């Protein structure tokens, strides 16, 4: 039924938004910022062994290469994970601006 299908998609979107809200700024804690591994270098201009200091890029790196480090992200359906990764890594979505709007 169309209503159930639409509601199901809304639930997944809501889950994704809540997860993103929970972890979108965790990489502002410098101790959590990842170093680019040899296998992923170069990454967005960072060389192997360099710490990714930009908190949005650092989060995108973790989401892309180490999604299991964030259990709430890992538990999302693949389509929702892809949307979050797109907003963080490709689109450079600014969560603060969204909330202010």
C-alpha atoms as a PDB file:
ATOM      1  CA  UNK A   1       0.000   0.000   0.000  1.00  0.00           C
ATOM      2  CA  UNK A   2       1.281   3.457  -0.937  1.00  0.00           C
ATOM      3  CA  UNK A   3       0.765   5.017   2.497  1.00  0.00           C
ATOM      4  CA  UNK A   4       2.789   2.309   4.260  1.00  0.00           C
ATOM      5  CA  UNK A   5       5.577   2.607   1.723  1.00  0.00           C
ATOM      6  CA  UNK A   6       5.724   6.405   2.117  1.00  0.00           C
ATOM      7  CA  UNK A   7       5.695   6.148   5.908  1.00  0.00           C
ATOM      8  CA  UNK A   8       8.501   3.581   5.792  1.00  0.00           C
ATOM      9  CA  UNK A   9      10.663   5.938   3.756  1.00  0.00           C
ATOM     10  CA  UNK A  10       9.910   8.781   6.160  1.00  0.00           C
ATOM     11  CA  UNK A  11      10.979   6.650   9.108  1.00  0.00           C
ATOM     12  CA  UNK A  12      14.317   5.866   7.438  1.00  0.00           C
ATOM     13  CA  UNK A  13      14.834   9.539   6.640  1.00  0.00           C
ATOM     14  CA  UNK A  14      14.040  10.518  10.215  1.00  0.00           C
ATOM     15  CA  UNK A  15      16.450   7.885  11.545  1.00  0.00           C
ATOM     16  CA  UNK A  16      19.179   9.172   9.229  1.00  0.00           C
ATOM     17  CA  UNK A  17      18.614  12.780  10.286  1.00  0.00           C
ATOM     18  CA  UNK A  18      18.692  11.858  13.983  1.00  0.00           C
ATOM     19  CA  UNK A  19      21.901   9.873  13.521  1.00  0.00           C
ATOM     20  CA  UNK A  20      23.533  12.717  11.624  1.00  0.00           C
ATOM     21  CA  UNK A  21      22.428  15.152  14.330  1.00  0.00           C
ATOM     22  CA  UNK A  22      24.033  12.926  16.959  1.00  0.00           C
ATOM     23  CA  UNK A  23      27.438  12.590  15.326  1.00  0.00           C
ATOM     24  CA  UNK A  24      27.842  15.446  12.845  1.00  0.00           C
ATOM     25  CA  UNK A  25      30.333  17.392  14.987  1.00  0.00           C
ATOM     26  CA  UNK A  26      32.220  14.609  16.778  1.00  0.00           C
ATOM     27  CA  UNK A  27      35.379  15.297  14.805  1.00  0.00           C
ATOM     28  CA  UNK A  28      35.612  18.739  16.413  1.00  0.00           C
ATOM     29  CA  UNK A  29      37.286  16.749  19.194  1.00  0.00           C
ATOM     30  CA  UNK A  30      40.840  16.804  17.830  1.00  0.00           C
ATOM     31  CA  UNK A  31      41.744  13.507  19.508  1.00  0.00           C
ATOM     32  CA  UNK A  32      39.158  11.742  17.338  1.00  0.00           C
ATOM     33  CA  UNK A  33      40.398  13.088  14.015  1.00  0.00           C
ATOM     34  CA  UNK A  34      41.714  10.247  11.863  1.00  0.00           C
ATOM     35  CA  UNK A  35      45.023   9.926  10.078  1.00  0.00           C
ATOM     36  CA  UNK A  36      44.825   8.999   6.424  1.00  0.00           C
ATOM     37  CA  UNK A  37      45.921   5.415   5.963  1.00  0.00           C
ATOM     38  CA  UNK A  38      48.294   4.402   3.190  1.00  0.00           C
ATOM     39  CA  UNK A  39      45.458   2.467   1.555  1.00  0.00           C
ATOM     40  CA  UNK A  40      43.289   5.601   1.243  1.00  0.00           C
ATOM     41  CA  UNK A  41      45.931   8.187   0.403  1.00  0.00           C
ATOM     42  CA  UNK A  42      45.662  10.729  -0.893  1.00  0.00           C
ATOM     43  CA  UNK A  43      42.299  11.739   0.566  1.00  0.00           C
ATOM     44  CA  UNK A  44      40.880  15.191  -0.207  1.00  0.00           C
ATOM     45  CA  UNK A  45      44.361  16.663  -0.373  1.00  0.00           C
ATOM     46  CA  UNK A  46      45.657  14.882   2.743  1.00  0.00           C
ATOM     47  CA  UNK A  47      48.655  12.544   2.413  1.00  0.00           C
ATOM     48  CA  UNK A  48      49.134   9.192   4.111  1.00  0.00           C
ATOM     49  CA  UNK A  49      49.791   9.664   7.824  1.00  0.00           C
ATOM     50  CA  UNK A  50      48.376  13.203   7.959  1.00  0.00           C
ATOM     51  CA  UNK A  51      45.625  14.006  10.430  1.00  0.00           C
ATOM     52  CA  UNK A  52      42.468  15.280   8.768  1.00  0.00           C
ATOM     53  CA  UNK A  53      41.895  18.499  10.714  1.00  0.00           C
ATOM     54  CA  UNK A  54      38.747  19.628   8.905  1.00  0.00           C
ATOM     55  CA  UNK A  55      35.987  18.128  11.055  1.00  0.00           C
ATOM     56  CA  UNK A  56      33.587  17.606   8.144  1.00  0.00           C
ATOM     57  CA  UNK A  57      36.203  15.890   5.978  1.00  0.00           C
ATOM     58  CA  UNK A  58      37.330  13.818   8.953  1.00  0.00           C
ATOM     59  CA  UNK A  59      33.773  12.616   9.478  1.00  0.00           C
ATOM     60  CA  UNK A  60      33.353  11.878   5.782  1.00  0.00           C
ATOM     61  CA  UNK A  61      36.594   9.858   5.849  1.00  0.00           C
ATOM     62  CA  UNK A  62      35.410   7.773   8.806  1.00  0.00           C
ATOM     63  CA  UNK A  63      31.951   7.258   7.324  1.00  0.00           C
ATOM     64  CA  UNK A  64      33.453   6.209   4.009  1.00  0.00           C
ATOM     65  CA  UNK A  65      36.271   3.966   5.208  1.00  0.00           C
ATOM     66  CA  UNK A  66      35.412   2.968   8.800  1.00  0.00           C
ATOM     67  CA  UNK A  67      31.598   3.011   9.113  1.00  0.00           C
ATOM     68  CA  UNK A  68      31.670   0.383  11.874  1.00  0.00           C
ATOM     69  CA  UNK A  69      33.188   2.959  14.242  1.00  0.00           C
ATOM     70  CA  UNK A  70      29.787   4.656  14.414  1.00  0.00           C
ATOM     71  CA  UNK A  71      27.215   1.977  15.307  1.00  0.00           C
ATOM     72  CA  UNK A  72      24.238   4.275  14.723  1.00  0.00           C
ATOM     73  CA  UNK A  73      25.486   4.950  11.195  1.00  0.00           C
ATOM     74  CA  UNK A  74      26.285   1.290  10.560  1.00  0.00           C
ATOM     75  CA  UNK A  75      22.736   0.286  11.611  1.00  0.00           C
ATOM     76  CA  UNK A  76      21.087   2.501   8.991  1.00  0.00           C
ATOM     77  CA  UNK A  77      19.929   1.061   5.667  1.00  0.00           C
ATOM     78  CA  UNK A  78      22.538   1.375   2.912  1.00  0.00           C
ATOM     79  CA  UNK A  79      20.514   4.033   1.066  1.00  0.00           C
ATOM     80  CA  UNK A  80      20.414   6.216   4.186  1.00  0.00           C
ATOM     81  CA  UNK A  81      24.150   5.794   4.747  1.00  0.00           C
ATOM     82  CA  UNK A  82      24.806   6.892   1.176  1.00  0.00           C
ATOM     83  CA  UNK A  83      22.702  10.037   1.632  1.00  0.00           C
ATOM     84  CA  UNK A  84      24.545  10.954   4.836  1.00  0.00           C
ATOM     85  CA  UNK A  85      27.919  10.354   3.229  1.00  0.00           C
ATOM     86  CA  UNK A  86      26.893  12.512   0.271  1.00  0.00           C
ATOM     87  CA  UNK A  87      25.803  15.400   2.507  1.00  0.00           C
ATOM     88  CA  UNK A  88      28.972  15.219   4.608  1.00  0.00           C
ATOM     89  CA  UNK A  89      31.584  14.349   2.020  1.00  0.00           C
ATOM     90  CA  UNK A  90      30.424  15.656  -1.335  1.00  0.00           C
ATOM     91  CA  UNK A  91      27.939  18.427  -0.618  1.00  0.00           C
ATOM     92  CA  UNK A  92      29.624  19.825   2.515  1.00  0.00           C
ATOM     93  CA  UNK A  93      26.232  20.231   4.173  1.00  0.00           C
ATOM     94  CA  UNK A  94      26.350  22.712   7.048  1.00  0.00           C
ATOM     95  CA  UNK A  95      24.107  21.355   9.774  1.00  0.00           C
ATOM     96  CA  UNK A  96      24.267  24.597  11.772  1.00  0.00           C
ATOM     97  CA  UNK A  97      23.013  26.670   8.878  1.00  0.00           C
ATOM     98  CA  UNK A  98      20.173  24.203   8.345  1.00  0.00           C
ATOM     99  CA  UNK A  99      19.081  24.456  11.972  1.00  0.00           C
ATOM    100  CA  UNK A 100      19.295  28.251  11.909  1.00  0.00           C
ATOM    101  CA  UNK A 101      17.139  28.437   8.784  1.00  0.00           C
END
